[in-house]
N, C-alpha and C. Protein backbone atom coordinates (compact mmCIF):
# COMPACT_ATOMS: atom_id res chain seq x y z
N MET A 1 -168.27 130.76 -123.32
CA MET A 1 -168.29 131.87 -122.45
C MET A 1 -168.78 132.93 -122.63
N GLU A 2 -169.54 133.97 -121.99
CA GLU A 2 -170.05 135.55 -122.28
C GLU A 2 -168.87 136.54 -122.13
N HIS A 3 -167.83 136.04 -121.49
CA HIS A 3 -166.84 136.69 -121.05
C HIS A 3 -165.22 136.96 -121.72
N THR A 4 -165.58 136.53 -122.72
CA THR A 4 -163.90 135.99 -123.24
C THR A 4 -163.39 137.04 -123.12
N GLY A 5 -163.66 138.53 -123.77
CA GLY A 5 -163.02 139.88 -123.72
C GLY A 5 -162.44 140.25 -122.50
N GLU A 6 -162.84 139.63 -121.23
CA GLU A 6 -162.53 140.09 -120.41
C GLU A 6 -161.82 139.27 -119.58
N LEU A 7 -161.79 138.05 -120.07
CA LEU A 7 -161.33 137.12 -119.12
C LEU A 7 -159.62 137.28 -119.95
N GLN A 8 -159.31 137.47 -120.91
CA GLN A 8 -158.75 137.82 -121.96
C GLN A 8 -157.52 138.90 -121.39
N GLN A 9 -157.98 139.99 -120.89
CA GLN A 9 -157.53 140.97 -120.26
C GLN A 9 -157.14 140.48 -119.03
N VAL A 10 -158.11 139.86 -117.93
CA VAL A 10 -157.53 139.11 -116.93
C VAL A 10 -155.94 138.46 -117.26
N VAL A 11 -156.27 137.71 -118.04
CA VAL A 11 -155.22 136.69 -118.62
C VAL A 11 -153.76 137.52 -118.39
N GLU A 12 -153.88 138.58 -119.67
CA GLU A 12 -152.88 139.57 -119.86
C GLU A 12 -152.42 140.37 -118.64
N HIS A 13 -153.55 140.73 -117.68
CA HIS A 13 -152.94 141.16 -116.70
C HIS A 13 -152.19 140.62 -115.65
N LEU A 14 -152.64 139.29 -115.36
CA LEU A 14 -151.65 138.48 -114.66
C LEU A 14 -150.26 138.04 -115.17
N ARG A 15 -150.44 137.57 -116.21
CA ARG A 15 -149.25 137.51 -116.90
C ARG A 15 -147.97 138.73 -117.06
N SER A 16 -148.68 139.88 -116.98
CA SER A 16 -147.37 140.98 -116.61
C SER A 16 -147.41 141.43 -115.25
N ALA A 17 -147.92 140.73 -114.08
CA ALA A 17 -147.61 141.14 -112.84
C ALA A 17 -146.73 140.85 -112.28
N THR A 18 -146.16 141.41 -111.35
CA THR A 18 -144.55 140.95 -110.83
C THR A 18 -145.01 140.29 -109.74
N ASP A 19 -146.45 140.50 -109.22
CA ASP A 19 -146.76 138.74 -108.28
C ASP A 19 -148.02 138.59 -108.49
N ARG A 20 -148.36 137.85 -109.17
CA ARG A 20 -149.34 136.94 -109.65
C ARG A 20 -150.81 136.81 -108.91
N VAL A 21 -149.63 136.03 -107.66
CA VAL A 21 -150.81 135.69 -106.73
C VAL A 21 -151.48 136.78 -105.57
N ALA A 22 -150.81 137.81 -105.52
CA ALA A 22 -151.44 139.07 -105.46
C ALA A 22 -152.53 139.72 -106.31
N GLU A 23 -151.98 139.71 -107.42
CA GLU A 23 -153.29 140.01 -107.95
C GLU A 23 -154.01 139.64 -108.49
N MET A 24 -153.95 138.22 -108.04
CA MET A 24 -155.20 137.35 -108.29
C MET A 24 -156.38 137.36 -107.10
N ARG A 25 -155.51 137.33 -105.63
CA ARG A 25 -156.32 137.43 -104.45
C ARG A 25 -156.94 138.81 -104.62
N ARG A 26 -156.37 139.96 -105.39
CA ARG A 26 -157.03 141.24 -104.99
C ARG A 26 -158.62 141.03 -106.01
N LEU A 27 -158.49 140.56 -107.40
CA LEU A 27 -159.28 140.48 -108.24
C LEU A 27 -160.42 139.60 -107.23
N VAL A 28 -159.79 138.69 -106.74
CA VAL A 28 -161.34 137.63 -106.39
C VAL A 28 -161.57 138.10 -104.88
N LEU A 29 -160.91 139.13 -104.37
CA LEU A 29 -161.48 139.97 -103.29
C LEU A 29 -162.88 140.89 -103.60
N GLU A 30 -162.07 141.68 -104.30
CA GLU A 30 -162.88 142.98 -105.08
C GLU A 30 -163.91 142.32 -106.04
N SER A 31 -164.22 141.43 -106.14
CA SER A 31 -165.39 140.46 -106.92
C SER A 31 -166.49 139.71 -106.03
N GLY A 32 -165.87 140.20 -104.65
CA GLY A 32 -167.17 139.79 -103.57
C GLY A 32 -166.43 138.13 -103.00
N GLY A 33 -165.34 137.51 -104.05
CA GLY A 33 -165.04 136.37 -103.72
C GLY A 33 -164.37 136.12 -101.95
N ALA A 34 -163.89 134.97 -101.33
CA ALA A 34 -163.46 134.74 -100.83
C ALA A 34 -161.97 134.24 -100.94
N TRP A 35 -160.53 134.64 -100.21
CA TRP A 35 -159.34 134.54 -100.00
C TRP A 35 -158.49 133.87 -98.89
N PRO A 36 -158.62 132.36 -99.04
CA PRO A 36 -157.52 132.12 -97.57
C PRO A 36 -156.23 131.85 -97.82
N ASP A 37 -155.77 133.14 -96.61
CA ASP A 37 -154.08 133.42 -96.46
C ASP A 37 -153.52 131.85 -95.61
N HIS A 38 -153.37 130.87 -96.28
CA HIS A 38 -152.44 129.85 -96.25
C HIS A 38 -151.25 130.09 -96.27
N GLU A 39 -150.33 129.78 -94.98
CA GLU A 39 -149.09 129.65 -95.38
C GLU A 39 -148.22 128.35 -95.76
N HIS A 40 -148.89 127.48 -95.58
CA HIS A 40 -148.35 126.00 -96.40
C HIS A 40 -148.81 125.79 -97.84
N ASP A 41 -147.97 124.93 -98.26
CA ASP A 41 -148.66 124.49 -99.55
C ASP A 41 -149.66 123.34 -99.44
N VAL A 42 -151.00 123.59 -99.57
CA VAL A 42 -151.55 122.90 -99.15
C VAL A 42 -152.56 123.18 -100.56
N LEU A 43 -153.54 122.11 -100.65
CA LEU A 43 -154.66 122.33 -101.70
C LEU A 43 -154.88 123.17 -101.62
N PHE A 44 -154.99 124.41 -103.19
CA PHE A 44 -155.47 125.49 -103.12
C PHE A 44 -156.17 125.40 -104.00
N GLU A 45 -157.47 126.04 -104.11
CA GLU A 45 -158.29 126.25 -105.65
C GLU A 45 -158.63 127.94 -105.71
N VAL A 46 -158.53 128.23 -106.99
CA VAL A 46 -158.86 129.57 -107.36
C VAL A 46 -159.90 129.33 -108.19
N CYS A 47 -161.10 129.94 -107.67
CA CYS A 47 -162.19 129.85 -108.85
C CYS A 47 -162.80 131.55 -109.06
N PHE A 48 -162.43 131.91 -110.64
CA PHE A 48 -162.78 133.33 -110.89
C PHE A 48 -163.29 133.15 -112.25
N LEU A 49 -164.20 133.99 -112.78
CA LEU A 49 -164.71 134.28 -113.88
C LEU A 49 -165.12 132.65 -114.40
N SER A 50 -165.94 131.72 -113.58
CA SER A 50 -166.13 130.26 -114.08
C SER A 50 -164.69 129.93 -114.16
N ILE A 51 -163.68 129.81 -114.08
CA ILE A 51 -162.41 129.05 -114.22
C ILE A 51 -161.73 128.61 -112.98
N ALA A 52 -161.27 127.48 -113.27
CA ALA A 52 -161.13 126.80 -111.83
C ALA A 52 -159.58 126.65 -112.37
N GLY A 53 -158.50 127.05 -110.79
CA GLY A 53 -157.35 126.61 -111.06
C GLY A 53 -156.89 126.24 -109.82
N LEU A 54 -156.31 125.09 -109.61
CA LEU A 54 -155.90 123.83 -108.63
C LEU A 54 -154.60 123.87 -108.41
N GLY A 55 -153.86 123.86 -107.20
CA GLY A 55 -152.55 123.16 -107.14
C GLY A 55 -151.90 123.55 -105.58
N PHE A 56 -151.17 122.69 -105.18
CA PHE A 56 -150.48 122.74 -103.77
C PHE A 56 -149.99 124.02 -103.50
N GLY A 57 -150.42 125.03 -103.19
CA GLY A 57 -150.36 126.70 -102.64
C GLY A 57 -151.08 127.19 -103.51
N ALA A 58 -151.11 128.74 -103.47
CA ALA A 58 -151.42 129.78 -104.28
C ALA A 58 -150.85 129.67 -105.57
N LYS A 59 -149.69 130.07 -105.52
CA LYS A 59 -148.64 129.86 -106.73
C LYS A 59 -149.46 129.24 -107.61
N PRO A 60 -148.86 127.55 -107.33
CA PRO A 60 -149.62 126.82 -108.45
C PRO A 60 -150.84 126.72 -109.02
N ALA A 61 -151.65 127.01 -108.11
CA ALA A 61 -152.88 127.14 -108.31
C ALA A 61 -153.18 128.62 -109.16
N VAL A 62 -152.66 129.51 -109.00
CA VAL A 62 -152.70 130.91 -109.80
C VAL A 62 -152.24 130.64 -111.49
N LYS A 63 -150.98 130.15 -111.43
CA LYS A 63 -150.29 129.06 -112.53
C LYS A 63 -151.79 128.28 -113.63
N ASN A 64 -152.31 127.24 -113.12
CA ASN A 64 -153.18 126.68 -113.62
C ASN A 64 -154.20 127.24 -113.68
N TRP A 65 -154.65 127.97 -113.04
CA TRP A 65 -155.79 129.00 -113.53
C TRP A 65 -155.23 130.21 -114.82
N ILE A 66 -154.54 130.45 -114.80
CA ILE A 66 -153.97 130.88 -115.97
C ILE A 66 -154.11 129.78 -117.21
N VAL A 67 -153.60 129.17 -116.99
CA VAL A 67 -153.47 128.23 -118.40
C VAL A 67 -155.10 127.45 -118.71
N ASN A 68 -155.73 127.05 -117.67
CA ASN A 68 -156.86 127.11 -118.15
C ASN A 68 -157.84 128.02 -118.45
N ALA A 69 -157.70 129.50 -118.33
CA ALA A 69 -158.15 130.14 -118.63
C ALA A 69 -157.95 130.60 -120.08
N GLU A 70 -156.59 130.40 -120.57
CA GLU A 70 -155.95 130.41 -121.96
C GLU A 70 -156.79 129.48 -122.83
N ARG A 71 -157.02 128.34 -122.11
CA ARG A 71 -157.45 127.05 -122.64
C ARG A 71 -158.90 127.82 -122.83
N GLN A 72 -159.84 128.37 -122.06
CA GLN A 72 -161.16 128.64 -122.77
C GLN A 72 -161.23 129.44 -123.70
N PHE A 73 -160.54 130.26 -123.57
CA PHE A 73 -160.66 131.78 -124.62
C PHE A 73 -159.86 131.06 -126.07
N SER A 74 -159.28 130.16 -126.10
CA SER A 74 -158.79 129.36 -127.24
C SER A 74 -159.96 128.62 -127.50
N ILE A 75 -160.87 127.75 -126.92
CA ILE A 75 -162.03 127.27 -127.55
C ILE A 75 -162.97 128.40 -127.97
N ASP A 76 -163.25 129.13 -126.80
CA ASP A 76 -164.62 130.07 -127.56
C ASP A 76 -163.99 130.75 -129.18
N LYS A 77 -162.86 130.75 -129.03
CA LYS A 77 -162.26 131.42 -130.37
C LYS A 77 -162.89 130.42 -131.47
N VAL A 78 -162.87 129.00 -131.39
CA VAL A 78 -162.89 127.89 -132.23
C VAL A 78 -163.94 127.79 -132.47
N ALA A 79 -164.99 128.03 -131.27
CA ALA A 79 -166.67 127.60 -131.27
C ALA A 79 -167.48 129.16 -132.06
């Protein structure tokens, strides 16, 4: 991945955020992406910086995105 530094900064920012969902939503929208504002816990996907996160609702999807992003920059360090 070309943007490992950026990815790591985003993960650190999200980990320290009071409201991770609101921060991820802001980042996605600022990058030109779309964010559906569902009130119910439906299957939700977050795609940002070529990383996907899935969950039943935005909160679990963002949590999954963080886990997947951390795995990605761990893999990039080894490669």
